[in-house]
């Protein structure tokens, strides 16, 4: 987003990440608390009564609740069925259910808010030492005074601006509607949230003999090859045009025309470090991409006319495309697409 807090504009659209831990989870925990308190009073546990309690909680106390300062206060919820006798031991008095603030905090609010704080910490850990300019709370739970107080207490020393934009409860929906109705690209760039790299075999260089001699093997053509090398397709933090195709050249030696499959082992990394070998830092295997080089005219030509029984090399290009929702791999011949595969969905 760009602009001032009073007039925010879309700068980049991305897929959601993290997990669900918002307003609906407060409702679920409140409902379980009511069921527990009124287990001996089934007259208040029919669907209409539960809906009545839930509505009262959602409309007032869910957002107004202040946390520890409300521990000694009681929150009163009118019962749908007022004919049931009083039971002060569970808070049933004069047709109302009275719940202590400290019980609401421990059984309803704290668990959900801790989940939110943990998710924020996980997101911050992924950017390492990169500065975070602002943290904006949006969605139905963003209006909670207790949530805002807890977030501000935990992050104010690390994030300068912690705020709720106007109409925060509908901010994401309005942004999605604006993006969908614009009928023009609102976002032209994508920031790679992590690095995409491949495990490759490359001709051994002096550094490889010095650093990883155990990785060096002689291939069928008698060339010294270093295994477990890393080739970056996209580095973390790279700013790409939406849908931009990043092309990388490769070469495969085929001993026979049947040796047509190039297996590309793709990895991702959240590290800012640029690695030479797969064992130099934290990497996660994303998938094994089996690329059928037999689809390439150059391979077909060599398979029929080349090699003289000694095998042959095929040069080719692989492309990587990123947008806001997925990552795609493309096999190319002279710049034209031959085949493609989707190998990463952003969750």
C-alpha atoms as a PDB file:
ATOM      1  CA  UNK A   1       0.000   0.000   0.000  1.00  0.00           C
ATOM      2  CA  UNK A   2       1.018   3.607  -0.501  1.00  0.00           C
ATOM      3  CA  UNK A   3      -0.290   6.982   0.591  1.00  0.00           C
ATOM      4  CA  UNK A   4      -1.388   8.367   3.941  1.00  0.00           C
ATOM      5  CA  UNK A   5      -3.369   6.437   6.541  1.00  0.00           C
ATOM      6  CA  UNK A   6      -6.448   8.456   5.647  1.00  0.00           C
ATOM      7  CA  UNK A   7      -6.109   7.764   1.920  1.00  0.00           C
ATOM      8  CA  UNK A   8      -4.391   4.448   1.285  1.00  0.00           C
ATOM      9  CA  UNK A   9      -3.935   3.083  -2.233  1.00  0.00           C
ATOM     10  CA  UNK A  10      -3.063  -0.376  -3.526  1.00  0.00           C
ATOM     11  CA  UNK A  11       0.603  -0.785  -4.413  1.00  0.00           C
ATOM     12  CA  UNK A  12       0.871  -4.576  -4.559  1.00  0.00           C
ATOM     13  CA  UNK A  13      -1.559  -7.446  -4.306  1.00  0.00           C
ATOM     14  CA  UNK A  14      -0.442 -10.728  -2.803  1.00  0.00           C
ATOM     15  CA  UNK A  15      -1.937 -13.995  -1.667  1.00  0.00           C
ATOM     16  CA  UNK A  16      -2.752 -14.311   2.006  1.00  0.00           C
ATOM     17  CA  UNK A  17      -0.323 -16.092   4.266  1.00  0.00           C
ATOM     18  CA  UNK A  18      -0.266 -17.260   7.855  1.00  0.00           C
ATOM     19  CA  UNK A  19      -3.390 -18.752   9.380  1.00  0.00           C
ATOM     20  CA  UNK A  20      -6.909 -17.967  10.505  1.00  0.00           C
ATOM     21  CA  UNK A  21      -7.004 -16.471  13.991  1.00  0.00           C
ATOM     22  CA  UNK A  22      -9.492 -13.642  13.866  1.00  0.00           C
ATOM     23  CA  UNK A  23     -12.920 -12.626  15.044  1.00  0.00           C
ATOM     24  CA  UNK A  24     -14.697 -15.880  14.302  1.00  0.00           C
ATOM     25  CA  UNK A  25     -12.375 -17.727  16.671  1.00  0.00           C
ATOM     26  CA  UNK A  26     -13.417 -15.417  19.497  1.00  0.00           C
ATOM     27  CA  UNK A  27     -17.027 -16.311  18.715  1.00  0.00           C
ATOM     28  CA  UNK A  28     -16.227 -20.017  18.825  1.00  0.00           C
ATOM     29  CA  UNK A  29     -14.417 -19.765  22.156  1.00  0.00           C
ATOM     30  CA  UNK A  30     -17.192 -17.597  23.640  1.00  0.00           C
ATOM     31  CA  UNK A  31     -19.783 -20.158  22.573  1.00  0.00           C
ATOM     32  CA  UNK A  32     -17.791 -22.949  24.253  1.00  0.00           C
ATOM     33  CA  UNK A  33     -17.489 -20.875  27.431  1.00  0.00           C
ATOM     34  CA  UNK A  34     -21.262 -20.325  27.531  1.00  0.00           C
ATOM     35  CA  UNK A  35     -21.884 -24.031  26.962  1.00  0.00           C
ATOM     36  CA  UNK A  36     -19.544 -24.904  29.811  1.00  0.00           C
ATOM     37  CA  UNK A  37     -21.081 -22.410  32.233  1.00  0.00           C
ATOM     38  CA  UNK A  38     -24.642 -23.453  31.409  1.00  0.00           C
ATOM     39  CA  UNK A  39     -24.090 -27.195  31.084  1.00  0.00           C
ATOM     40  CA  UNK A  40     -26.639 -27.779  33.873  1.00  0.00           C
ATOM     41  CA  UNK A  41     -29.128 -25.351  32.324  1.00  0.00           C
ATOM     42  CA  UNK A  42     -30.109 -26.841  28.944  1.00  0.00           C
ATOM     43  CA  UNK A  43     -32.909 -24.302  28.565  1.00  0.00           C
ATOM     44  CA  UNK A  44     -30.218 -21.807  27.544  1.00  0.00           C
ATOM     45  CA  UNK A  45     -28.378 -24.097  25.126  1.00  0.00           C
ATOM     46  CA  UNK A  46     -30.938 -24.405  22.337  1.00  0.00           C
ATOM     47  CA  UNK A  47     -29.906 -22.780  19.008  1.00  0.00           C
ATOM     48  CA  UNK A  48     -32.010 -19.654  19.539  1.00  0.00           C
ATOM     49  CA  UNK A  49     -30.549 -18.999  23.002  1.00  0.00           C
ATOM     50  CA  UNK A  50     -26.975 -19.538  21.836  1.00  0.00           C
ATOM     51  CA  UNK A  51     -27.493 -17.245  18.856  1.00  0.00           C
ATOM     52  CA  UNK A  52     -28.859 -14.587  21.219  1.00  0.00           C
ATOM     53  CA  UNK A  53     -25.760 -14.759  23.441  1.00  0.00           C
ATOM     54  CA  UNK A  54     -23.446 -14.742  20.422  1.00  0.00           C
ATOM     55  CA  UNK A  55     -25.130 -11.709  18.897  1.00  0.00           C
ATOM     56  CA  UNK A  56     -24.851  -9.731  22.124  1.00  0.00           C
ATOM     57  CA  UNK A  57     -21.163 -10.610  22.456  1.00  0.00           C
ATOM     58  CA  UNK A  58     -20.346  -9.757  18.829  1.00  0.00           C
ATOM     59  CA  UNK A  59     -22.182  -6.443  18.813  1.00  0.00           C
ATOM     60  CA  UNK A  60     -20.720  -4.947  21.980  1.00  0.00           C
ATOM     61  CA  UNK A  61     -18.214  -6.643  24.247  1.00  0.00           C
ATOM     62  CA  UNK A  62     -16.035  -8.354  21.638  1.00  0.00           C
ATOM     63  CA  UNK A  63     -14.496  -5.105  20.431  1.00  0.00           C
ATOM     64  CA  UNK A  64     -14.952  -2.983  23.562  1.00  0.00           C
ATOM     65  CA  UNK A  65     -13.257  -5.426  25.948  1.00  0.00           C
ATOM     66  CA  UNK A  66     -10.067  -3.814  27.307  1.00  0.00           C
ATOM     67  CA  UNK A  67      -8.155  -6.752  28.806  1.00  0.00           C
ATOM     68  CA  UNK A  68      -6.622  -6.785  32.293  1.00  0.00           C
ATOM     69  CA  UNK A  69      -8.312  -3.533  33.254  1.00  0.00           C
ATOM     70  CA  UNK A  70     -11.663  -5.311  32.840  1.00  0.00           C
ATOM     71  CA  UNK A  71     -10.711  -8.303  35.004  1.00  0.00           C
ATOM     72  CA  UNK A  72     -12.838  -7.145  37.944  1.00  0.00           C
ATOM     73  CA  UNK A  73     -15.821  -6.111  35.822  1.00  0.00           C
ATOM     74  CA  UNK A  74     -18.795  -8.294  34.964  1.00  0.00           C
ATOM     75  CA  UNK A  75     -20.200  -8.519  31.455  1.00  0.00           C
ATOM     76  CA  UNK A  76     -23.941  -9.088  31.294  1.00  0.00           C
ATOM     77  CA  UNK A  77     -25.713 -10.982  28.524  1.00  0.00           C
ATOM     78  CA  UNK A  78     -29.519 -11.082  28.438  1.00  0.00           C
ATOM     79  CA  UNK A  79     -30.939 -14.598  28.249  1.00  0.00           C
ATOM     80  CA  UNK A  80     -33.331 -15.531  25.455  1.00  0.00           C
ATOM     81  CA  UNK A  81     -35.215 -17.823  27.848  1.00  0.00           C
ATOM     82  CA  UNK A  82     -35.890 -15.772  30.992  1.00  0.00           C
ATOM     83  CA  UNK A  83     -38.063 -18.388  32.711  1.00  0.00           C
ATOM     84  CA  UNK A  84     -35.175 -20.569  33.886  1.00  0.00           C
ATOM     85  CA  UNK A  85     -34.479 -20.147  37.643  1.00  0.00           C
ATOM     86  CA  UNK A  86     -31.481 -18.166  38.868  1.00  0.00           C
ATOM     87  CA  UNK A  87     -28.166 -19.885  39.558  1.00  0.00           C
ATOM     88  CA  UNK A  88     -25.644 -17.370  40.944  1.00  0.00           C
ATOM     89  CA  UNK A  89     -22.925 -20.055  40.977  1.00  0.00           C
ATOM     90  CA  UNK A  90     -22.685 -19.839  37.173  1.00  0.00           C
ATOM     91  CA  UNK A  91     -23.741 -16.188  36.828  1.00  0.00           C
ATOM     92  CA  UNK A  92     -27.446 -16.649  36.042  1.00  0.00           C
ATOM     93  CA  UNK A  93     -29.235 -13.805  37.831  1.00  0.00           C
ATOM     94  CA  UNK A  94     -32.459 -11.985  36.924  1.00  0.00           C
ATOM     95  CA  UNK A  95     -32.584 -13.293  33.358  1.00  0.00           C
ATOM     96  CA  UNK A  96     -28.968 -12.421  32.581  1.00  0.00           C
ATOM     97  CA  UNK A  97     -25.717 -14.332  32.341  1.00  0.00           C
ATOM     98  CA  UNK A  98     -22.950 -12.415  34.131  1.00  0.00           C
ATOM     99  CA  UNK A  99     -19.405 -13.411  33.146  1.00  0.00           C
ATOM    100  CA  UNK A 100     -16.339 -12.037  34.989  1.00  0.00           C
ATOM    101  CA  UNK A 101     -13.917 -10.116  32.801  1.00  0.00           C
ATOM    102  CA  UNK A 102     -10.985 -12.241  33.924  1.00  0.00           C
ATOM    103  CA  UNK A 103     -12.812 -15.370  32.718  1.00  0.00           C
ATOM    104  CA  UNK A 104     -13.461 -13.791  29.325  1.00  0.00           C
ATOM    105  CA  UNK A 105      -9.805 -12.854  29.045  1.00  0.00           C
ATOM    106  CA  UNK A 106      -8.434 -16.274  29.957  1.00  0.00           C
ATOM    107  CA  UNK A 107     -10.964 -18.450  28.124  1.00  0.00           C
ATOM    108  CA  UNK A 108     -11.838 -16.311  25.099  1.00  0.00           C
ATOM    109  CA  UNK A 109      -9.439 -13.493  24.278  1.00  0.00           C
ATOM    110  CA  UNK A 110      -5.931 -14.448  25.369  1.00  0.00           C
ATOM    111  CA  UNK A 111      -5.644 -17.637  23.329  1.00  0.00           C
ATOM    112  CA  UNK A 112      -6.668 -15.939  20.075  1.00  0.00           C
ATOM    113  CA  UNK A 113      -4.553 -12.845  20.678  1.00  0.00           C
ATOM    114  CA  UNK A 114      -1.500 -14.976  21.462  1.00  0.00           C
ATOM    115  CA  UNK A 115      -2.024 -16.697  18.111  1.00  0.00           C
ATOM    116  CA  UNK A 116      -2.112 -13.316  16.363  1.00  0.00           C
ATOM    117  CA  UNK A 117       1.064 -12.167  18.107  1.00  0.00           C
ATOM    118  CA  UNK A 118       2.846 -15.414  17.238  1.00  0.00           C
ATOM    119  CA  UNK A 119       1.891 -15.060  13.586  1.00  0.00           C
ATOM    120  CA  UNK A 120       3.202 -11.508  13.539  1.00  0.00           C
ATOM    121  CA  UNK A 121       6.484 -12.667  15.054  1.00  0.00           C
ATOM    122  CA  UNK A 122       6.770 -15.381  12.401  1.00  0.00           C
ATOM    123  CA  UNK A 123       6.193 -12.846   9.642  1.00  0.00           C
ATOM    124  CA  UNK A 124       8.777 -10.487  11.093  1.00  0.00           C
ATOM    125  CA  UNK A 125      11.325 -13.292  11.390  1.00  0.00           C
ATOM    126  CA  UNK A 126      11.048 -13.906   7.647  1.00  0.00           C
ATOM    127  CA  UNK A 127      12.242 -10.404   6.776  1.00  0.00           C
ATOM    128  CA  UNK A 128      15.289 -10.774   9.046  1.00  0.00           C
ATOM    129  CA  UNK A 129      16.863  -7.333   9.567  1.00  0.00           C
ATOM    130  CA  UNK A 130      14.878  -5.505   6.882  1.00  0.00           C
ATOM    131  CA  UNK A 131      13.004  -2.505   8.314  1.00  0.00           C
ATOM    132  CA  UNK A 132       9.221  -2.651   8.637  1.00  0.00           C
ATOM    133  CA  UNK A 133       7.649   0.749   8.074  1.00  0.00           C
ATOM    134  CA  UNK A 134       4.153   0.099   9.364  1.00  0.00           C
ATOM    135  CA  UNK A 135       1.806  -2.526  10.766  1.00  0.00           C
ATOM    136  CA  UNK A 136      -1.844  -2.065   9.853  1.00  0.00           C
ATOM    137  CA  UNK A 137      -4.584  -4.019  11.612  1.00  0.00           C
ATOM    138  CA  UNK A 138      -7.512  -4.866   9.342  1.00  0.00           C
ATOM    139  CA  UNK A 139     -10.448  -7.255   9.411  1.00  0.00           C
ATOM    140  CA  UNK A 140     -13.264  -7.825  11.877  1.00  0.00           C
ATOM    141  CA  UNK A 141     -10.980  -8.378  14.870  1.00  0.00           C
ATOM    142  CA  UNK A 142      -8.906  -5.258  14.148  1.00  0.00           C
ATOM    143  CA  UNK A 143     -11.381  -3.114  16.082  1.00  0.00           C
ATOM    144  CA  UNK A 144     -10.600  -4.917  19.349  1.00  0.00           C
ATOM    145  CA  UNK A 145      -9.126  -2.487  21.869  1.00  0.00           C
ATOM    146  CA  UNK A 146      -7.443  -5.335  23.730  1.00  0.00           C
ATOM    147  CA  UNK A 147      -5.801  -6.669  20.555  1.00  0.00           C
ATOM    148  CA  UNK A 148      -4.517  -3.225  19.597  1.00  0.00           C
ATOM    149  CA  UNK A 149      -3.113  -2.699  23.087  1.00  0.00           C
ATOM    150  CA  UNK A 150      -1.300  -6.066  23.059  1.00  0.00           C
ATOM    151  CA  UNK A 151       0.112  -5.561  19.554  1.00  0.00           C
ATOM    152  CA  UNK A 152       1.315  -2.067  20.384  1.00  0.00           C
ATOM    153  CA  UNK A 153       2.967  -3.245  23.610  1.00  0.00           C
ATOM    154  CA  UNK A 154       4.861  -6.047  21.848  1.00  0.00           C
ATOM    155  CA  UNK A 155       5.915  -4.292  18.635  1.00  0.00           C
ATOM    156  CA  UNK A 156       6.113  -0.543  19.255  1.00  0.00           C
ATOM    157  CA  UNK A 157       9.891  -0.703  19.794  1.00  0.00           C
ATOM    158  CA  UNK A 158      10.364  -2.393  16.412  1.00  0.00           C
ATOM    159  CA  UNK A 159       7.692  -0.825  14.209  1.00  0.00           C
ATOM    160  CA  UNK A 160       7.244   2.924  14.115  1.00  0.00           C
ATOM    161  CA  UNK A 161       3.644   3.024  12.873  1.00  0.00           C
ATOM    162  CA  UNK A 162       0.995   0.666  14.275  1.00  0.00           C
ATOM    163  CA  UNK A 163      -2.457   1.768  13.207  1.00  0.00           C
ATOM    164  CA  UNK A 164      -5.944   0.881  12.031  1.00  0.00           C
ATOM    165  CA  UNK A 165      -6.951   2.474   8.728  1.00  0.00           C
ATOM    166  CA  UNK A 166     -10.439   3.915   8.405  1.00  0.00           C
ATOM    167  CA  UNK A 167     -13.163   1.253   8.110  1.00  0.00           C
ATOM    168  CA  UNK A 168     -10.547  -1.342   9.012  1.00  0.00           C
ATOM    169  CA  UNK A 169     -13.098  -4.139   9.256  1.00  0.00           C
ATOM    170  CA  UNK A 170     -13.835  -3.941   5.511  1.00  0.00           C
ATOM    171  CA  UNK A 171     -10.395  -2.842   4.287  1.00  0.00           C
ATOM    172  CA  UNK A 172      -9.383  -6.108   2.631  1.00  0.00           C
ATOM    173  CA  UNK A 173     -12.785  -6.569   0.985  1.00  0.00           C
ATOM    174  CA  UNK A 174     -12.766  -3.027  -0.367  1.00  0.00           C
ATOM    175  CA  UNK A 175      -9.231  -3.461  -1.660  1.00  0.00           C
ATOM    176  CA  UNK A 176     -10.153  -6.704  -3.409  1.00  0.00           C
ATOM    177  CA  UNK A 177     -13.234  -5.079  -4.951  1.00  0.00           C
ATOM    178  CA  UNK A 178     -11.222  -2.087  -6.127  1.00  0.00           C
ATOM    179  CA  UNK A 179      -8.629  -4.394  -7.648  1.00  0.00           C
ATOM    180  CA  UNK A 180     -11.225  -6.554  -9.386  1.00  0.00           C
ATOM    181  CA  UNK A 181     -13.385  -3.721 -10.735  1.00  0.00           C
ATOM    182  CA  UNK A 182     -10.564  -1.535 -12.024  1.00  0.00           C
ATOM    183  CA  UNK A 183     -10.392  -3.437 -15.338  1.00  0.00           C
ATOM    184  CA  UNK A 184      -6.767  -2.483 -15.614  1.00  0.00           C
ATOM    185  CA  UNK A 185      -3.608  -3.704 -13.918  1.00  0.00           C
ATOM    186  CA  UNK A 186      -3.340  -1.934 -10.572  1.00  0.00           C
ATOM    187  CA  UNK A 187      -0.144  -3.778  -9.755  1.00  0.00           C
ATOM    188  CA  UNK A 188       2.697  -4.183 -12.204  1.00  0.00           C
ATOM    189  CA  UNK A 189       5.371  -5.681  -9.974  1.00  0.00           C
ATOM    190  CA  UNK A 190       5.826  -8.631  -7.658  1.00  0.00           C
ATOM    191  CA  UNK A 191       8.383  -8.849  -4.857  1.00  0.00           C
ATOM    192  CA  UNK A 192       9.821 -12.331  -4.473  1.00  0.00           C
ATOM    193  CA  UNK A 193       9.272 -13.279  -0.837  1.00  0.00           C
ATOM    194  CA  UNK A 194      11.869 -16.028  -1.033  1.00  0.00           C
ATOM    195  CA  UNK A 195      14.582 -17.289  -3.339  1.00  0.00           C
ATOM    196  CA  UNK A 196      13.961 -19.958  -5.964  1.00  0.00           C
ATOM    197  CA  UNK A 197      16.973 -22.030  -6.899  1.00  0.00           C
ATOM    198  CA  UNK A 198      17.961 -25.279  -8.524  1.00  0.00           C
ATOM    199  CA  UNK A 199      20.330 -28.061  -7.675  1.00  0.00           C
ATOM    200  CA  UNK A 200      22.534 -28.438 -10.753  1.00  0.00           C
ATOM    201  CA  UNK A 201      25.655 -30.186 -11.998  1.00  0.00           C
ATOM    202  CA  UNK A 202      28.250 -27.806 -13.453  1.00  0.00           C
ATOM    203  CA  UNK A 203      31.785 -28.236 -14.782  1.00  0.00           C
ATOM    204  CA  UNK A 204      34.086 -28.278 -11.775  1.00  0.00           C
ATOM    205  CA  UNK A 205      35.990 -25.057 -11.144  1.00  0.00           C
ATOM    206  CA  UNK A 206      39.007 -24.311  -8.980  1.00  0.00           C
ATOM    207  CA  UNK A 207      36.783 -23.270  -6.042  1.00  0.00           C
ATOM    208  CA  UNK A 208      34.950 -26.582  -6.235  1.00  0.00           C
ATOM    209  CA  UNK A 209      38.180 -28.586  -6.051  1.00  0.00           C
ATOM    210  CA  UNK A 210      39.215 -26.522  -3.023  1.00  0.00           C
ATOM    211  CA  UNK A 211      35.880 -26.413  -1.166  1.00  0.00           C
ATOM    212  CA  UNK A 212      33.878 -29.508  -2.171  1.00  0.00           C
ATOM    213  CA  UNK A 213      36.135 -32.125  -3.804  1.00  0.00           C
ATOM    214  CA  UNK A 214      33.769 -34.852  -2.610  1.00  0.00           C
ATOM    215  CA  UNK A 215      31.062 -33.427  -4.890  1.00  0.00           C
ATOM    216  CA  UNK A 216      33.141 -33.822  -8.061  1.00  0.00           C
ATOM    217  CA  UNK A 217      32.456 -36.712 -10.421  1.00  0.00           C
ATOM    218  CA  UNK A 218      33.438 -37.533 -13.979  1.00  0.00           C
ATOM    219  CA  UNK A 219      30.476 -37.694 -16.359  1.00  0.00           C
ATOM    220  CA  UNK A 220      30.004 -40.007 -19.337  1.00  0.00           C
ATOM    221  CA  UNK A 221      31.867 -37.575 -21.564  1.00  0.00           C
ATOM    222  CA  UNK A 222      34.915 -37.595 -19.290  1.00  0.00           C
ATOM    223  CA  UNK A 223      34.303 -34.071 -17.952  1.00  0.00           C
ATOM    224  CA  UNK A 224      34.744 -33.315 -14.237  1.00  0.00           C
ATOM    225  CA  UNK A 225      31.345 -32.245 -12.923  1.00  0.00           C
ATOM    226  CA  UNK A 226      30.559 -30.699  -9.535  1.00  0.00           C
ATOM    227  CA  UNK A 227      27.274 -31.932  -8.104  1.00  0.00           C
ATOM    228  CA  UNK A 228      25.071 -30.167  -5.530  1.00  0.00           C
ATOM    229  CA  UNK A 229      25.784 -26.750  -7.000  1.00  0.00           C
ATOM    230  CA  UNK A 230      23.156 -24.051  -6.664  1.00  0.00           C
ATOM    231  CA  UNK A 231      21.849 -21.967  -9.528  1.00  0.00           C
ATOM    232  CA  UNK A 232      19.533 -19.104  -8.621  1.00  0.00           C
ATOM    233  CA  UNK A 233      16.473 -18.537 -10.751  1.00  0.00           C
ATOM    234  CA  UNK A 234      15.125 -15.698  -8.594  1.00  0.00           C
ATOM    235  CA  UNK A 235      16.770 -14.176  -5.549  1.00  0.00           C
ATOM    236  CA  UNK A 236      14.808 -13.249  -2.457  1.00  0.00           C
ATOM    237  CA  UNK A 237      13.602  -9.658  -2.567  1.00  0.00           C
ATOM    238  CA  UNK A 238      13.890  -9.379  -6.345  1.00  0.00           C
ATOM    239  CA  UNK A 239      11.360  -6.966  -7.842  1.00  0.00           C
ATOM    240  CA  UNK A 240       9.877  -8.468 -10.985  1.00  0.00           C
ATOM    241  CA  UNK A 241       7.259  -7.353 -13.439  1.00  0.00           C
ATOM    242  CA  UNK A 242       4.092  -9.324 -12.838  1.00  0.00           C
ATOM    243  CA  UNK A 243       4.306 -12.382 -15.064  1.00  0.00           C
ATOM    244  CA  UNK A 244       7.899 -11.602 -16.059  1.00  0.00           C
ATOM    245  CA  UNK A 245       9.725 -14.670 -17.323  1.00  0.00           C
ATOM    246  CA  UNK A 246      13.194 -15.171 -15.850  1.00  0.00           C
ATOM    247  CA  UNK A 247      15.164 -17.348 -18.274  1.00  0.00           C
ATOM    248  CA  UNK A 248      18.184 -19.493 -17.441  1.00  0.00           C
ATOM    249  CA  UNK A 249      20.234 -21.566 -19.892  1.00  0.00           C
ATOM    250  CA  UNK A 250      21.057 -25.208 -19.218  1.00  0.00           C
ATOM    251  CA  UNK A 251      22.836 -28.021 -20.992  1.00  0.00           C
ATOM    252  CA  UNK A 252      22.286 -31.779 -20.690  1.00  0.00           C
ATOM    253  CA  UNK A 253      24.447 -34.618 -21.964  1.00  0.00           C
ATOM    254  CA  UNK A 254      22.441 -37.572 -23.285  1.00  0.00           C
ATOM    255  CA  UNK A 255      24.222 -40.869 -23.800  1.00  0.00           C
ATOM    256  CA  UNK A 256      21.355 -42.170 -25.969  1.00  0.00           C
ATOM    257  CA  UNK A 257      18.196 -40.720 -27.574  1.00  0.00           C
ATOM    258  CA  UNK A 258      16.205 -42.388 -24.772  1.00  0.00           C
ATOM    259  CA  UNK A 259      17.991 -40.195 -22.223  1.00  0.00           C
ATOM    260  CA  UNK A 260      15.556 -37.317 -22.737  1.00  0.00           C
ATOM    261  CA  UNK A 261      14.466 -36.386 -19.194  1.00  0.00           C
ATOM    262  CA  UNK A 262      16.202 -33.550 -17.377  1.00  0.00           C
ATOM    263  CA  UNK A 263      15.311 -33.648 -13.675  1.00  0.00           C
ATOM    264  CA  UNK A 264      15.406 -30.164 -12.189  1.00  0.00           C
ATOM    265  CA  UNK A 265      15.420 -30.230  -8.388  1.00  0.00           C
ATOM    266  CA  UNK A 266      13.904 -26.947  -7.267  1.00  0.00           C
ATOM    267  CA  UNK A 267      14.469 -25.425  -3.861  1.00  0.00           C
ATOM    268  CA  UNK A 268      13.291 -22.377  -1.976  1.00  0.00           C
ATOM    269  CA  UNK A 269      15.156 -20.408   0.652  1.00  0.00           C
ATOM    270  CA  UNK A 270      14.159 -17.628   3.026  1.00  0.00           C
ATOM    271  CA  UNK A 271      17.806 -16.686   3.523  1.00  0.00           C
ATOM    272  CA  UNK A 272      19.324 -13.495   2.132  1.00  0.00           C
ATOM    273  CA  UNK A 273      22.644 -15.309   1.728  1.00  0.00           C
ATOM    274  CA  UNK A 274      23.672 -16.220  -1.821  1.00  0.00           C
ATOM    275  CA  UNK A 275      24.844 -19.826  -1.718  1.00  0.00           C
ATOM    276  CA  UNK A 276      27.079 -21.834  -4.043  1.00  0.00           C
ATOM    277  CA  UNK A 277      26.220 -25.302  -2.702  1.00  0.00           C
ATOM    278  CA  UNK A 278      23.019 -26.814  -1.352  1.00  0.00           C
ATOM    279  CA  UNK A 279      24.618 -27.453   2.055  1.00  0.00           C
ATOM    280  CA  UNK A 280      25.590 -23.826   2.736  1.00  0.00           C
ATOM    281  CA  UNK A 281      22.346 -22.622   4.236  1.00  0.00           C
ATOM    282  CA  UNK A 282      18.703 -23.377   4.950  1.00  0.00           C
ATOM    283  CA  UNK A 283      16.953 -24.589   1.800  1.00  0.00           C
ATOM    284  CA  UNK A 284      13.737 -26.557   1.360  1.00  0.00           C
ATOM    285  CA  UNK A 285      13.077 -28.844  -1.563  1.00  0.00           C
ATOM    286  CA  UNK A 286      10.028 -27.609  -3.435  1.00  0.00           C
ATOM    287  CA  UNK A 287       9.731 -30.303  -6.089  1.00  0.00           C
ATOM    288  CA  UNK A 288      11.491 -32.398  -8.691  1.00  0.00           C
ATOM    289  CA  UNK A 289      10.587 -31.010 -12.103  1.00  0.00           C
ATOM    290  CA  UNK A 290      10.966 -33.662 -14.812  1.00  0.00           C
ATOM    291  CA  UNK A 291      11.556 -31.718 -18.029  1.00  0.00           C
ATOM    292  CA  UNK A 292      11.020 -33.705 -21.237  1.00  0.00           C
ATOM    293  CA  UNK A 293      13.722 -32.475 -23.607  1.00  0.00           C
ATOM    294  CA  UNK A 294      12.361 -34.800 -26.288  1.00  0.00           C
ATOM    295  CA  UNK A 295       9.851 -32.042 -27.066  1.00  0.00           C
ATOM    296  CA  UNK A 296      12.660 -29.776 -28.285  1.00  0.00           C
ATOM    297  CA  UNK A 297      13.469 -29.737 -32.026  1.00  0.00           C
ATOM    298  CA  UNK A 298      17.179 -29.511 -31.183  1.00  0.00           C
ATOM    299  CA  UNK A 299      17.028 -32.725 -29.141  1.00  0.00           C
ATOM    300  CA  UNK A 300      15.060 -34.469 -31.875  1.00  0.00           C
ATOM    301  CA  UNK A 301      17.667 -33.452 -34.460  1.00  0.00           C
ATOM    302  CA  UNK A 302      20.600 -34.678 -32.343  1.00  0.00           C
ATOM    303  CA  UNK A 303      18.779 -37.915 -31.543  1.00  0.00           C
ATOM    304  CA  UNK A 304      18.502 -38.725 -35.248  1.00  0.00           C
ATOM    305  CA  UNK A 305      21.660 -37.216 -36.743  1.00  0.00           C
ATOM    306  CA  UNK A 306      24.143 -36.506 -33.967  1.00  0.00           C
ATOM    307  CA  UNK A 307      26.345 -38.259 -31.504  1.00  0.00           C
ATOM    308  CA  UNK A 308      27.772 -41.083 -33.646  1.00  0.00           C
ATOM    309  CA  UNK A 309      27.168 -43.353 -30.708  1.00  0.00           C
ATOM    310  CA  UNK A 310      29.132 -41.056 -28.389  1.00  0.00           C
ATOM    311  CA  UNK A 311      26.142 -39.195 -27.019  1.00  0.00           C
ATOM    312  CA  UNK A 312      25.253 -35.538 -27.515  1.00  0.00           C
ATOM    313  CA  UNK A 313      24.566 -32.284 -25.678  1.00  0.00           C
ATOM    314  CA  UNK A 314      21.286 -30.371 -25.725  1.00  0.00           C
ATOM    315  CA  UNK A 315      21.200 -26.706 -24.802  1.00  0.00           C
ATOM    316  CA  UNK A 316      17.882 -25.341 -23.619  1.00  0.00           C
ATOM    317  CA  UNK A 317      16.261 -22.634 -21.504  1.00  0.00           C
ATOM    318  CA  UNK A 318      14.021 -22.868 -18.478  1.00  0.00           C
ATOM    319  CA  UNK A 319      11.888 -19.924 -17.460  1.00  0.00           C
ATOM    320  CA  UNK A 320      10.378 -18.960 -14.120  1.00  0.00           C
ATOM    321  CA  UNK A 321       7.262 -16.789 -13.852  1.00  0.00           C
ATOM    322  CA  UNK A 322       5.944 -15.208 -10.656  1.00  0.00           C
ATOM    323  CA  UNK A 323       2.687 -13.459  -9.977  1.00  0.00           C
ATOM    324  CA  UNK A 324       0.731 -12.838  -6.800  1.00  0.00           C
ATOM    325  CA  UNK A 325      -0.664 -16.347  -6.470  1.00  0.00           C
ATOM    326  CA  UNK A 326       1.658 -18.903  -8.036  1.00  0.00           C
ATOM    327  CA  UNK A 327       5.040 -19.730  -9.507  1.00  0.00           C
ATOM    328  CA  UNK A 328       5.294 -21.407 -12.909  1.00  0.00           C
ATOM    329  CA  UNK A 329       8.091 -23.196 -14.729  1.00  0.00           C
ATOM    330  CA  UNK A 330       8.399 -23.029 -18.525  1.00  0.00           C
ATOM    331  CA  UNK A 331      10.511 -25.001 -21.030  1.00  0.00           C
ATOM    332  CA  UNK A 332      11.588 -22.785 -23.919  1.00  0.00           C
ATOM    333  CA  UNK A 333      12.913 -23.289 -27.449  1.00  0.00           C
ATOM    334  CA  UNK A 334      14.357 -20.178 -29.094  1.00  0.00           C
ATOM    335  CA  UNK A 335      12.199 -18.063 -26.809  1.00  0.00           C
ATOM    336  CA  UNK A 336       8.974 -19.924 -27.568  1.00  0.00           C
ATOM    337  CA  UNK A 337       7.111 -21.886 -24.913  1.00  0.00           C
ATOM    338  CA  UNK A 338       7.202 -25.656 -25.326  1.00  0.00           C
ATOM    339  CA  UNK A 339       5.658 -26.788 -22.026  1.00  0.00           C
ATOM    340  CA  UNK A 340       4.851 -25.409 -18.593  1.00  0.00           C
ATOM    341  CA  UNK A 341       4.043 -26.511 -15.074  1.00  0.00           C
ATOM    342  CA  UNK A 342       2.777 -24.792 -11.923  1.00  0.00           C
ATOM    343  CA  UNK A 343       4.981 -25.830  -9.026  1.00  0.00           C
ATOM    344  CA  UNK A 344       4.207 -23.411  -6.199  1.00  0.00           C
ATOM    345  CA  UNK A 345       0.909 -22.005  -4.967  1.00  0.00           C
ATOM    346  CA  UNK A 346       1.101 -19.201  -2.405  1.00  0.00           C
ATOM    347  CA  UNK A 347      -1.115 -20.032   0.576  1.00  0.00           C
END
